[in-house]
Amino acid sequence: QVQLVESGGGLVQPGESLRLSCAASGFIFSNYAMSWYRQAPGKERELVATIFNEGGSANYADSVKGRFTISRDNAKNTVYLQMNSLKPEDTAVYYCFRPGVTKYWGQGTQVTVSS
């Protein structure tokens, strides 16, 4: 079965960095675009970044452009989100997402940015 397992969240101070990982299994990883979403308390889940299955192109939310970088390693079935210059407003649960006829979500990993 499809599994998406996120890791790498934590508590950091503003301006610091984190790298999230999402280990995928149960499907042909290289065939799918992959995305990161986030959901802050009291807010709707929002798309943060998408990387396409060819690995070369990506899209970002305006709020993270220039600070976050999405990447993938098809040999390791893993997608990453490098988050730099973190701000308090980046605080949220971050989810890995696989689109398709059937959509899959990871369990989420908490990122807290606070001084």
PDB file of N, CA and C in Angstrom:
ATOM      1  N   GLN A   1       0.836  -1.178   0.000  1.00  0.00           N
ATOM      2  CA  GLN A   1       0.000   0.000   0.000  1.00  0.00           C
ATOM      3  C   GLN A   1       0.884   1.245   0.000  1.00  0.00           C
ATOM      4  N   VAL A   2       0.284   2.340  -0.445  1.00  0.00           N
ATOM      5  CA  VAL A   2       1.019   3.597  -0.501  1.00  0.00           C
ATOM      6  C   VAL A   2       1.254   4.124   0.904  1.00  0.00           C
ATOM      7  N   GLN A   3       2.484   4.530   1.165  1.00  0.00           N
ATOM      8  CA  GLN A   3       2.825   5.175   2.430  1.00  0.00           C
ATOM      9  C   GLN A   3       3.691   6.386   2.155  1.00  0.00           C
ATOM     10  N   LEU A   4       3.398   7.456   2.876  1.00  0.00           N
ATOM     11  CA  LEU A   4       4.202   8.671   2.847  1.00  0.00           C
ATOM     12  C   LEU A   4       4.550   9.001   4.290  1.00  0.00           C
ATOM     13  N   VAL A   5       5.840   9.037   4.600  1.00  0.00           N
ATOM     14  CA  VAL A   5       6.266   9.239   5.983  1.00  0.00           C
ATOM     15  C   VAL A   5       7.181  10.457   6.044  1.00  0.00           C
ATOM     16  N   GLU A   6       6.672  11.504   6.695  1.00  0.00           N
ATOM     17  CA  GLU A   6       7.446  12.737   6.830  1.00  0.00           C
ATOM     18  C   GLU A   6       8.338  12.688   8.059  1.00  0.00           C
ATOM     19  N   SER A   7       9.419  13.443   7.993  1.00  0.00           N
ATOM     20  CA  SER A   7      10.309  13.612   9.142  1.00  0.00           C
ATOM     21  C   SER A   7      11.043  14.932   8.989  1.00  0.00           C
ATOM     22  N   GLY A   8      11.668  15.364  10.082  1.00  0.00           N
ATOM     23  CA  GLY A   8      12.507  16.550  10.028  1.00  0.00           C
ATOM     24  C   GLY A   8      11.927  17.803  10.652  1.00  0.00           C
ATOM     25  N   GLY A   9      10.698  17.740  11.113  1.00  0.00           N
ATOM     26  CA  GLY A   9      10.119  18.910  11.755  1.00  0.00           C
ATOM     27  C   GLY A   9      10.750  19.185  13.105  1.00  0.00           C
ATOM     28  N   GLY A  10      10.398  20.330  13.673  1.00  0.00           N
ATOM     29  CA  GLY A  10      10.922  20.664  14.992  1.00  0.00           C
ATOM     30  C   GLY A  10      10.671  22.107  15.340  1.00  0.00           C
ATOM     31  N   LEU A  11      11.323  22.535  16.410  1.00  0.00           N
ATOM     32  CA  LEU A  11      11.221  23.908  16.905  1.00  0.00           C
ATOM     33  C   LEU A  11      12.515  24.640  16.570  1.00  0.00           C
ATOM     34  N   VAL A  12      12.382  25.747  15.855  1.00  0.00           N
ATOM     35  CA  VAL A  12      13.536  26.556  15.506  1.00  0.00           C
ATOM     36  C   VAL A  12      13.225  28.017  15.762  1.00  0.00           C
ATOM     37  N   GLN A  13      14.281  28.817  15.778  1.00  0.00           N
ATOM     38  CA  GLN A  13      14.119  30.258  15.941  1.00  0.00           C
ATOM     39  C   GLN A  13      13.968  30.924  14.569  1.00  0.00           C
ATOM     40  N   PRO A  14      13.372  32.098  14.547  1.00  0.00           N
ATOM     41  CA  PRO A  14      13.269  32.821  13.261  1.00  0.00           C
ATOM     42  C   PRO A  14      14.640  32.995  12.624  1.00  0.00           C
ATOM     43  N   GLY A  15      14.673  32.822  11.307  1.00  0.00           N
ATOM     44  CA  GLY A  15      15.922  32.936  10.558  1.00  0.00           C
ATOM     45  C   GLY A  15      16.673  31.635  10.383  1.00  0.00           C
ATOM     46  N   GLU A  16      16.304  30.620  11.154  1.00  0.00           N
ATOM     47  CA  GLU A  16      16.988  29.335  11.053  1.00  0.00           C
ATOM     48  C   GLU A  16      16.404  28.490   9.926  1.00  0.00           C
ATOM     49  N   SER A  17      16.982  27.303   9.756  1.00  0.00           N
ATOM     50  CA  SER A  17      16.598  26.419   8.653  1.00  0.00           C
ATOM     51  C   SER A  17      16.185  25.046   9.169  1.00  0.00           C
ATOM     52  N   LEU A  18      15.382  24.374   8.351  1.00  0.00           N
ATOM     53  CA  LEU A  18      15.016  22.980   8.573  1.00  0.00           C
ATOM     54  C   LEU A  18      14.919  22.301   7.221  1.00  0.00           C
ATOM     55  N   ARG A  19      15.153  20.991   7.212  1.00  0.00           N
ATOM     56  CA  ARG A  19      14.908  20.211   6.006  1.00  0.00           C
ATOM     57  C   ARG A  19      13.941  19.086   6.341  1.00  0.00           C
ATOM     58  N   LEU A  20      12.825  19.091   5.654  1.00  0.00           N
ATOM     59  CA  LEU A  20      11.842  18.031   5.801  1.00  0.00           C
ATOM     60  C   LEU A  20      12.091  16.948   4.745  1.00  0.00           C
ATOM     61  N   SER A  21      11.805  15.722   5.133  1.00  0.00           N
ATOM     62  CA  SER A  21      11.904  14.588   4.211  1.00  0.00           C
ATOM     63  C   SER A  21      10.579  13.846   4.187  1.00  0.00           C
ATOM     64  N   CYS A  22      10.279  13.269   3.050  1.00  0.00           N
ATOM     65  CA  CYS A  22       9.098  12.426   2.904  1.00  0.00           C
ATOM     66  C   CYS A  22       9.522  11.162   2.176  1.00  0.00           C
ATOM     67  N   ALA A  23       9.515  10.059   2.903  1.00  0.00           N
ATOM     68  CA  ALA A  23       9.872   8.770   2.317  1.00  0.00           C
ATOM     69  C   ALA A  23       8.612   8.094   1.783  1.00  0.00           C
ATOM     70  N   ALA A  24       8.632   7.765   0.506  1.00  0.00           N
ATOM     71  CA  ALA A  24       7.460   7.197  -0.159  1.00  0.00           C
ATOM     72  C   ALA A  24       7.664   5.716  -0.456  1.00  0.00           C
ATOM     73  N   SER A  25       6.591   4.966  -0.427  1.00  0.00           N
ATOM     74  CA  SER A  25       6.644   3.553  -0.775  1.00  0.00           C
ATOM     75  C   SER A  25       5.291   3.105  -1.292  1.00  0.00           C
ATOM     76  N   GLY A  26       5.282   1.991  -2.015  1.00  0.00           N
ATOM     77  CA  GLY A  26       4.037   1.402  -2.478  1.00  0.00           C
ATOM     78  C   GLY A  26       3.586   1.855  -3.853  1.00  0.00           C
ATOM     79  N   PHE A  27       4.383   2.663  -4.524  1.00  0.00           N
ATOM     80  CA  PHE A  27       4.052   3.082  -5.882  1.00  0.00           C
ATOM     81  C   PHE A  27       5.350   3.454  -6.603  1.00  0.00           C
ATOM     82  N   ILE A  28       5.243   3.653  -7.919  1.00  0.00           N
ATOM     83  CA  ILE A  28       6.419   4.013  -8.703  1.00  0.00           C
ATOM     84  C   ILE A  28       6.652   5.503  -8.544  1.00  0.00           C
ATOM     85  N   PHE A  29       7.535   5.842  -7.619  1.00  0.00           N
ATOM     86  CA  PHE A  29       7.744   7.218  -7.188  1.00  0.00           C
ATOM     87  C   PHE A  29       8.068   8.149  -8.351  1.00  0.00           C
ATOM     88  N   SER A  30       8.897   7.697  -9.257  1.00  0.00           N
ATOM     89  CA  SER A  30       9.365   8.571 -10.338  1.00  0.00           C
ATOM     90  C   SER A  30       8.258   8.926 -11.324  1.00  0.00           C
ATOM     91  N   ASN A  31       7.122   8.267 -11.243  1.00  0.00           N
ATOM     92  CA  ASN A  31       6.009   8.542 -12.157  1.00  0.00           C
ATOM     93  C   ASN A  31       5.123   9.694 -11.705  1.00  0.00           C
ATOM     94  N   TYR A  32       5.330  10.192 -10.495  1.00  0.00           N
ATOM     95  CA  TYR A  32       4.406  11.158  -9.922  1.00  0.00           C
ATOM     96  C   TYR A  32       5.082  12.463  -9.526  1.00  0.00           C
ATOM     97  N   ALA A  33       4.349  13.566  -9.772  1.00  0.00           N
ATOM     98  CA  ALA A  33       4.694  14.801  -9.094  1.00  0.00           C
ATOM     99  C   ALA A  33       4.438  14.618  -7.606  1.00  0.00           C
ATOM    100  N   MET A  34       5.148  15.389  -6.801  1.00  0.00           N
ATOM    101  CA  MET A  34       4.965  15.341  -5.350  1.00  0.00           C
ATOM    102  C   MET A  34       4.866  16.756  -4.807  1.00  0.00           C
ATOM    103  N   SER A  35       4.109  16.918  -3.747  1.00  0.00           N
ATOM    104  CA  SER A  35       3.892  18.244  -3.184  1.00  0.00           C
ATOM    105  C   SER A  35       4.066  18.245  -1.676  1.00  0.00           C
ATOM    106  N   TRP A  36       4.315  19.442  -1.167  1.00  0.00           N
ATOM    107  CA  TRP A  36       4.252  19.726   0.268  1.00  0.00           C
ATOM    108  C   TRP A  36       3.119  20.728   0.487  1.00  0.00           C
ATOM    109  N   TYR A  37       2.296  20.440   1.466  1.00  0.00           N
ATOM    110  CA  TYR A  37       1.262  21.336   1.938  1.00  0.00           C
ATOM    111  C   TYR A  37       1.555  21.668   3.398  1.00  0.00           C
ATOM    112  N   ARG A  38       0.884  22.701   3.896  1.00  0.00           N
ATOM    113  CA  ARG A  38       0.967  23.002   5.316  1.00  0.00           C
ATOM    114  C   ARG A  38      -0.376  23.507   5.815  1.00  0.00           C
ATOM    115  N   GLN A  39      -0.578  23.322   7.113  1.00  0.00           N
ATOM    116  CA  GLN A  39      -1.804  23.789   7.741  1.00  0.00           C
ATOM    117  C   GLN A  39      -1.457  24.380   9.087  1.00  0.00           C
ATOM    118  N   ALA A  40      -1.726  25.668   9.199  1.00  0.00           N
ATOM    119  CA  ALA A  40      -1.523  26.370  10.464  1.00  0.00           C
ATOM    120  C   ALA A  40      -2.802  26.297  11.289  1.00  0.00           C
ATOM    121  N   PRO A  41      -2.691  26.465  12.599  1.00  0.00           N
ATOM    122  CA  PRO A  41      -3.888  26.399  13.452  1.00  0.00           C
ATOM    123  C   PRO A  41      -4.947  27.390  13.003  1.00  0.00           C
ATOM    124  N   GLY A  42      -6.159  26.904  12.831  1.00  0.00           N
ATOM    125  CA  GLY A  42      -7.265  27.765  12.455  1.00  0.00           C
ATOM    126  C   GLY A  42      -7.298  28.182  11.004  1.00  0.00           C
ATOM    127  N   LYS A  43      -6.394  27.629  10.204  1.00  0.00           N
ATOM    128  CA  LYS A  43      -6.341  27.999   8.792  1.00  0.00           C
ATOM    129  C   LYS A  43      -6.528  26.773   7.914  1.00  0.00           C
ATOM    130  N   GLU A  44      -6.868  27.022   6.654  1.00  0.00           N
ATOM    131  CA  GLU A  44      -7.005  25.929   5.711  1.00  0.00           C
ATOM    132  C   GLU A  44      -5.641  25.414   5.273  1.00  0.00           C
ATOM    133  N   ARG A  45      -5.629  24.163   4.857  1.00  0.00           N
ATOM    134  CA  ARG A  45      -4.398  23.590   4.329  1.00  0.00           C
ATOM    135  C   ARG A  45      -4.041  24.303   3.027  1.00  0.00           C
ATOM    136  N   GLU A  46      -2.761  24.645   2.863  1.00  0.00           N
ATOM    137  CA  GLU A  46      -2.336  25.366   1.674  1.00  0.00           C
ATOM    138  C   GLU A  46      -1.160  24.666   1.007  1.00  0.00           C
ATOM    139  N   LEU A  47      -1.125  24.798  -0.322  1.00  0.00           N
ATOM    140  CA  LEU A  47      -0.034  24.228  -1.105  1.00  0.00           C
ATOM    141  C   LEU A  47       1.220  25.083  -0.925  1.00  0.00           C
ATOM    142  N   VAL A  48       2.318  24.426  -0.594  1.00  0.00           N
ATOM    143  CA  VAL A  48       3.596  25.116  -0.399  1.00  0.00           C
ATOM    144  C   VAL A  48       4.462  24.995  -1.657  1.00  0.00           C
ATOM    145  N   ALA A  49       4.622  23.774  -2.156  1.00  0.00           N
ATOM    146  CA  ALA A  49       5.507  23.554  -3.295  1.00  0.00           C
ATOM    147  C   ALA A  49       5.183  22.231  -3.963  1.00  0.00           C
ATOM    148  N   THR A  50       5.440  22.177  -5.259  1.00  0.00           N
ATOM    149  CA  THR A  50       5.261  20.961  -6.049  1.00  0.00           C
ATOM    150  C   THR A  50       6.492  20.759  -6.908  1.00  0.00           C
ATOM    151  N   ILE A  51       6.953  19.520  -6.977  1.00  0.00           N
ATOM    152  CA  ILE A  51       8.024  19.172  -7.898  1.00  0.00           C
ATOM    153  C   ILE A  51       7.493  18.118  -8.863  1.00  0.00           C
ATOM    154  N   PHE A  52       7.774  18.295 -10.131  1.00  0.00           N
ATOM    155  CA  PHE A  52       7.221  17.419 -11.136  1.00  0.00           C
ATOM    156  C   PHE A  52       8.081  16.181 -11.303  1.00  0.00           C
ATOM    157  N   ASN A  53       7.491  15.148 -11.893  1.00  0.00           N
ATOM    158  CA  ASN A  53       8.126  13.842 -11.836  1.00  0.00           C
ATOM    159  C   ASN A  53       9.421  13.778 -12.610  1.00  0.00           C
ATOM    160  N   GLU A  54       9.611  14.687 -13.551  1.00  0.00           N
ATOM    161  CA  GLU A  54      10.890  14.711 -14.241  1.00  0.00           C
ATOM    162  C   GLU A  54      11.993  15.267 -13.350  1.00  0.00           C
ATOM    163  N   GLY A  55      11.563  15.918 -12.238  1.00  0.00           N
ATOM    164  CA  GLY A  55      12.534  16.378 -11.254  1.00  0.00           C
ATOM    165  C   GLY A  55      13.140  17.728 -11.525  1.00  0.00           C
ATOM    166  N   GLY A  56      12.887  18.283 -12.686  1.00  0.00           N
ATOM    167  CA  GLY A  56      13.593  19.500 -13.034  1.00  0.00           C
ATOM    168  C   GLY A  56      12.859  20.786 -12.741  1.00  0.00           C
ATOM    169  N   SER A  57      11.536  20.703 -12.608  1.00  0.00           N
ATOM    170  CA  SER A  57      10.771  21.933 -12.435  1.00  0.00           C
ATOM    171  C   SER A  57       9.928  21.863 -11.167  1.00  0.00           C
ATOM    172  N   ALA A  58       9.673  23.029 -10.628  1.00  0.00           N
ATOM    173  CA  ALA A  58       8.925  23.112  -9.386  1.00  0.00           C
ATOM    174  C   ALA A  58       8.139  24.403  -9.343  1.00  0.00           C
ATOM    175  N   ASN A  59       7.072  24.385  -8.573  1.00  0.00           N
ATOM    176  CA  ASN A  59       6.278  25.578  -8.314  1.00  0.00           C
ATOM    177  C   ASN A  59       6.239  25.843  -6.824  1.00  0.00           C
ATOM    178  N   TYR A  60       6.111  27.122  -6.454  1.00  0.00           N
ATOM    179  CA  TYR A  60       6.105  27.514  -5.055  1.00  0.00           C
ATOM    180  C   TYR A  60       4.994  28.506  -4.776  1.00  0.00           C
ATOM    181  N   ALA A  61       4.493  28.462  -3.557  1.00  0.00           N
ATOM    182  CA  ALA A  61       3.607  29.518  -3.086  1.00  0.00           C
ATOM    183  C   ALA A  61       4.413  30.813  -2.989  1.00  0.00           C
ATOM    184  N   ASP A  62       3.745  31.916  -3.250  1.00  0.00           N
ATOM    185  CA  ASP A  62       4.434  33.207  -3.196  1.00  0.00           C
ATOM    186  C   ASP A  62       5.072  33.446  -1.827  1.00  0.00           C
ATOM    187  N   SER A  63       4.426  32.951  -0.800  1.00  0.00           N
ATOM    188  CA  SER A  63       4.894  33.212   0.565  1.00  0.00           C
ATOM    189  C   SER A  63       6.222  32.529   0.884  1.00  0.00           C
ATOM    190  N   VAL A  64       6.627  31.545   0.080  1.00  0.00           N
ATOM    191  CA  VAL A  64       7.866  30.815   0.383  1.00  0.00           C
ATOM    192  C   VAL A  64       8.908  30.944  -0.718  1.00  0.00           C
ATOM    193  N   LYS A  65       8.564  31.585  -1.814  1.00  0.00           N
ATOM    194  CA  LYS A  65       9.512  31.725  -2.928  1.00  0.00           C
ATOM    195  C   LYS A  65      10.793  32.406  -2.466  1.00  0.00           C
ATOM    196  N   GLY A  66      11.912  31.826  -2.874  1.00  0.00           N
ATOM    197  CA  GLY A  66      13.209  32.374  -2.501  1.00  0.00           C
ATOM    198  C   GLY A  66      13.725  31.903  -1.161  1.00  0.00           C
ATOM    199  N   ARG A  67      12.861  31.233  -0.358  1.00  0.00           N
ATOM    200  CA  ARG A  67      13.281  30.733   0.950  1.00  0.00           C
ATOM    201  C   ARG A  67      13.233  29.202   1.017  1.00  0.00           C
ATOM    202  N   PHE A  68      12.266  28.612   0.339  1.00  0.00           N
ATOM    203  CA  PHE A  68      12.092  27.152   0.382  1.00  0.00           C
ATOM    204  C   PHE A  68      12.509  26.551  -0.961  1.00  0.00           C
ATOM    205  N   THR A  69      13.042  25.339  -0.893  1.00  0.00           N
ATOM    206  CA  THR A  69      13.396  24.607  -2.098  1.00  0.00           C
ATOM    207  C   THR A  69      12.904  23.171  -1.979  1.00  0.00           C
ATOM    208  N   ILE A  70      12.129  22.743  -2.955  1.00  0.00           N
ATOM    209  CA  ILE A  70      11.666  21.362  -3.000  1.00  0.00           C
ATOM    210  C   ILE A  70      12.593  20.584  -3.936  1.00  0.00           C
ATOM    211  N   SER A  71      12.903  19.358  -3.559  1.00  0.00           N
ATOM    212  CA  SER A  71      13.752  18.514  -4.402  1.00  0.00           C
ATOM    213  C   SER A  71      13.331  17.064  -4.210  1.00  0.00           C
ATOM    214  N   ARG A  72      13.846  16.207  -5.063  1.00  0.00           N
ATOM    215  CA  ARG A  72      13.509  14.791  -4.949  1.00  0.00           C
ATOM    216  C   ARG A  72      14.697  13.941  -5.336  1.00  0.00           C
ATOM    217  N   ASP A  73      14.732  12.745  -4.749  1.00  0.00           N
ATOM    218  CA  ASP A  73      15.734  11.748  -5.098  1.00  0.00           C
ATOM    219  C   ASP A  73      14.950  10.492  -5.491  1.00  0.00           C
ATOM    220  N   ASN A  74      14.819  10.274  -6.782  1.00  0.00           N
ATOM    221  CA  ASN A  74      14.009   9.146  -7.246  1.00  0.00           C
ATOM    222  C   ASN A  74      14.634   7.800  -6.891  1.00  0.00           C
ATOM    223  N   ALA A  75      15.943   7.777  -6.710  1.00  0.00           N
ATOM    224  CA  ALA A  75      16.601   6.527  -6.316  1.00  0.00           C
ATOM    225  C   ALA A  75      16.258   6.152  -4.880  1.00  0.00           C
ATOM    226  N   LYS A  76      15.969   7.165  -4.054  1.00  0.00           N
ATOM    227  CA  LYS A  76      15.635   6.926  -2.648  1.00  0.00           C
ATOM    228  C   LYS A  76      14.149   7.048  -2.376  1.00  0.00           C
ATOM    229  N   ASN A  77      13.352   7.314  -3.427  1.00  0.00           N
ATOM    230  CA  ASN A  77      11.898   7.482  -3.249  1.00  0.00           C
ATOM    231  C   ASN A  77      11.590   8.519  -2.168  1.00  0.00           C
ATOM    232  N   THR A  78      12.297   9.615  -2.225  1.00  0.00           N
ATOM    233  CA  THR A  78      12.178  10.634  -1.179  1.00  0.00           C
ATOM    234  C   THR A  78      12.053  12.021  -1.797  1.00  0.00           C
ATOM    235  N   VAL A  79      11.179  12.827  -1.209  1.00  0.00           N
ATOM    236  CA  VAL A  79      11.052  14.230  -1.581  1.00  0.00           C
ATOM    237  C   VAL A  79      11.421  15.065  -0.359  1.00  0.00           C
ATOM    238  N   TYR A  80      12.072  16.181  -0.604  1.00  0.00           N
ATOM    239  CA  TYR A  80      12.589  17.028   0.459  1.00  0.00           C
ATOM    240  C   TYR A  80      11.992  18.428   0.353  1.00  0.00           C
ATOM    241  N   LEU A  81      12.001  19.125   1.477  1.00  0.00           N
ATOM    242  CA  LEU A  81      11.678  20.540   1.494  1.00  0.00           C
ATOM    243  C   LEU A  81      12.709  21.229   2.368  1.00  0.00           C
ATOM    244  N   GLN A  82      13.607  21.953   1.718  1.00  0.00           N
ATOM    245  CA  GLN A  82      14.606  22.750   2.435  1.00  0.00           C
ATOM    246  C   GLN A  82      13.985  24.106   2.738  1.00  0.00           C
ATOM    247  N   MET A  83      13.927  24.435   4.002  1.00  0.00           N
ATOM    248  CA  MET A  83      13.284  25.675   4.436  1.00  0.00           C
ATOM    249  C   MET A  83      14.320  26.558   5.105  1.00  0.00           C
ATOM    250  N   ASN A  84      14.609  27.695   4.491  1.00  0.00           N
ATOM    251  CA  ASN A  84      15.581  28.648   5.020  1.00  0.00           C
ATOM    252  C   ASN A  84      14.882  29.929   5.447  1.00  0.00           C
ATOM    253  N   SER A  85      15.564  30.719   6.229  1.00  0.00           N
ATOM    254  CA  SER A  85      15.036  32.006   6.686  1.00  0.00           C
ATOM    255  C   SER A  85      13.618  31.852   7.217  1.00  0.00           C
ATOM    256  N   LEU A  86      13.439  30.896   8.088  1.00  0.00           N
ATOM    257  CA  LEU A  86      12.095  30.607   8.594  1.00  0.00           C
ATOM    258  C   LEU A  86      11.532  31.764   9.396  1.00  0.00           C
ATOM    259  N   LYS A  87      10.220  31.943   9.264  1.00  0.00           N
ATOM    260  CA  LYS A  87       9.494  33.011   9.941  1.00  0.00           C
ATOM    261  C   LYS A  87       8.443  32.403  10.858  1.00  0.00           C
ATOM    262  N   PRO A  88       8.004  33.134  11.866  1.00  0.00           N
ATOM    263  CA  PRO A  88       6.940  32.608  12.727  1.00  0.00           C
ATOM    264  C   PRO A  88       5.693  32.192  11.944  1.00  0.00           C
ATOM    265  N   GLU A  89       5.408  32.895  10.872  1.00  0.00           N
ATOM    266  CA  GLU A  89       4.219  32.552  10.076  1.00  0.00           C
ATOM    267  C   GLU A  89       4.378  31.260   9.280  1.00  0.00           C
ATOM    268  N   ASP A  90       5.562  30.673   9.296  1.00  0.00           N
ATOM    269  CA  ASP A  90       5.757  29.358   8.680  1.00  0.00           C
ATOM    270  C   ASP A  90       5.350  28.228   9.623  1.00  0.00           C
ATOM    271  N   THR A  91       5.026  28.571  10.856  1.00  0.00           N
ATOM    272  CA  THR A  91       4.600  27.561  11.817  1.00  0.00           C
ATOM    273  C   THR A  91       3.345  26.849  11.334  1.00  0.00           C
ATOM    274  N   ALA A  92       3.414  25.534  11.242  1.00  0.00           N
ATOM    275  CA  ALA A  92       2.304  24.741  10.714  1.00  0.00           C
ATOM    276  C   ALA A  92       2.667  23.263  10.792  1.00  0.00           C
ATOM    277  N   VAL A  93       1.680  22.429  10.546  1.00  0.00           N
ATOM    278  CA  VAL A  93       1.952  21.017  10.274  1.00  0.00           C
ATOM    279  C   VAL A  93       2.165  20.894   8.767  1.00  0.00           C
ATOM    280  N   TYR A  94       3.261  20.278   8.401  1.00  0.00           N
ATOM    281  CA  TYR A  94       3.620  20.127   6.990  1.00  0.00           C
ATOM    282  C   TYR A  94       3.324  18.689   6.547  1.00  0.00           C
ATOM    283  N   TYR A  95       2.645  18.594   5.402  1.00  0.00           N
ATOM    284  CA  TYR A  95       2.202  17.306   4.879  1.00  0.00           C
ATOM    285  C   TYR A  95       2.798  17.037   3.505  1.00  0.00           C
ATOM    286  N   CYS A  96       3.188  15.825   3.299  1.00  0.00           N
ATOM    287  CA  CYS A  96       3.589  15.328   1.992  1.00  0.00           C
ATOM    288  C   CYS A  96       2.330  14.836   1.262  1.00  0.00           C
ATOM    289  N   PHE A  97       2.276  15.047  -0.042  1.00  0.00           N
ATOM    290  CA  PHE A  97       1.067  14.730  -0.813  1.00  0.00           C
ATOM    291  C   PHE A  97       1.444  14.139  -2.152  1.00  0.00           C
ATOM    292  N   ARG A  98       0.722  13.048  -2.517  1.00  0.00           N
ATOM    293  CA  ARG A  98       0.875  12.473  -3.833  1.00  0.00           C
ATOM    294  C   ARG A  98      -0.434  12.604  -4.592  1.00  0.00           C
ATOM    295  N   PRO A  99      -0.439  13.307  -5.693  1.00  0.00           N
ATOM    296  CA  PRO A  99      -1.667  13.439  -6.484  1.00  0.00           C
ATOM    297  C   PRO A  99      -1.948  12.167  -7.272  1.00  0.00           C
ATOM    298  N   GLY A 100      -3.071  12.174  -7.993  1.00  0.00           N
ATOM    299  CA  GLY A 100      -3.431  11.047  -8.824  1.00  0.00           C
ATOM    300  C   GLY A 100      -4.905  10.747  -8.712  1.00  0.00           C
ATOM    301  N   VAL A 101      -5.329   9.687  -9.367  1.00  0.00           N
ATOM    302  CA  VAL A 101      -6.730   9.271  -9.280  1.00  0.00           C
ATOM    303  C   VAL A 101      -7.091   9.062  -7.806  1.00  0.00           C
ATOM    304  N   THR A 102      -6.223   8.405  -7.089  1.00  0.00           N
ATOM    305  CA  THR A 102      -6.320   8.311  -5.631  1.00  0.00           C
ATOM    306  C   THR A 102      -5.220   9.180  -5.039  1.00  0.00           C
ATOM    307  N   LYS A 103      -5.618  10.071  -4.151  1.00  0.00           N
ATOM    308  CA  LYS A 103      -4.666  11.003  -3.541  1.00  0.00           C
ATOM    309  C   LYS A 103      -4.236  10.465  -2.189  1.00  0.00           C
ATOM    310  N   TYR A 104      -2.963  10.710  -1.862  1.00  0.00           N
ATOM    311  CA  TYR A 104      -2.432  10.226  -0.593  1.00  0.00           C
ATOM    312  C   TYR A 104      -1.747  11.342   0.163  1.00  0.00           C
ATOM    313  N   TRP A 105      -1.918  11.297   1.492  1.00  0.00           N
ATOM    314  CA  TRP A 105      -1.302  12.256   2.397  1.00  0.00           C
ATOM    315  C   TRP A 105      -0.436  11.520   3.401  1.00  0.00           C
ATOM    316  N   GLY A 106       0.651  12.164   3.803  1.00  0.00           N
ATOM    317  CA  GLY A 106       1.395  11.676   4.941  1.00  0.00           C
ATOM    318  C   GLY A 106       0.711  12.076   6.230  1.00  0.00           C
ATOM    319  N   GLN A 107       1.329  11.694   7.340  1.00  0.00           N
ATOM    320  CA  GLN A 107       0.723  11.963   8.647  1.00  0.00           C
ATOM    321  C   GLN A 107       1.019  13.370   9.140  1.00  0.00           C
ATOM    322  N   GLY A 108       1.987  14.032   8.525  1.00  0.00           N
ATOM    323  CA  GLY A 108       2.334  15.390   8.896  1.00  0.00           C
ATOM    324  C   GLY A 108       3.481  15.459   9.884  1.00  0.00           C
ATOM    325  N   THR A 109       4.205  16.572   9.814  1.00  0.00           N
ATOM    326  CA  THR A 109       5.281  16.840  10.774  1.00  0.00           C
ATOM    327  C   THR A 109       5.187  18.293  11.197  1.00  0.00           C
ATOM    328  N   GLN A 110       5.303  18.528  12.488  1.00  0.00           N
ATOM    329  CA  GLN A 110       5.110  19.875  13.046  1.00  0.00           C
ATOM    330  C   GLN A 110       6.371  20.702  12.880  1.00  0.00           C
ATOM    331  N   VAL A 111       6.195  21.908  12.374  1.00  0.00           N
ATOM    332  CA  VAL A 111       7.268  22.905  12.307  1.00  0.00           C
ATOM    333  C   VAL A 111       6.813  24.104  13.127  1.00  0.00           C
ATOM    334  N   THR A 112       7.617  24.478  14.098  1.00  0.00           N
ATOM    335  CA  THR A 112       7.316  25.623  14.940  1.00  0.00           C
ATOM    336  C   THR A 112       8.488  26.585  14.883  1.00  0.00           C
ATOM    337  N   VAL A 113       8.173  27.824  14.517  1.00  0.00           N
ATOM    338  CA  VAL A 113       9.195  28.864  14.427  1.00  0.00           C
ATOM    339  C   VAL A 113       8.870  29.915  15.484  1.00  0.00           C
ATOM    340  N   SER A 114       9.715  29.992  16.486  1.00  0.00           N
ATOM    341  CA  SER A 114       9.426  30.872  17.611  1.00  0.00           C
ATOM    342  C   SER A 114      10.718  31.235  18.325  1.00  0.00           C
ATOM    343  N   SER A 115      10.758  32.465  18.820  1.00  0.00           N
ATOM    344  CA  SER A 115      11.902  32.887  19.616  1.00  0.00           C
ATOM    345  C   SER A 115      11.628  32.663  21.094  1.00  0.00           C
TER     346      SER A 115
END
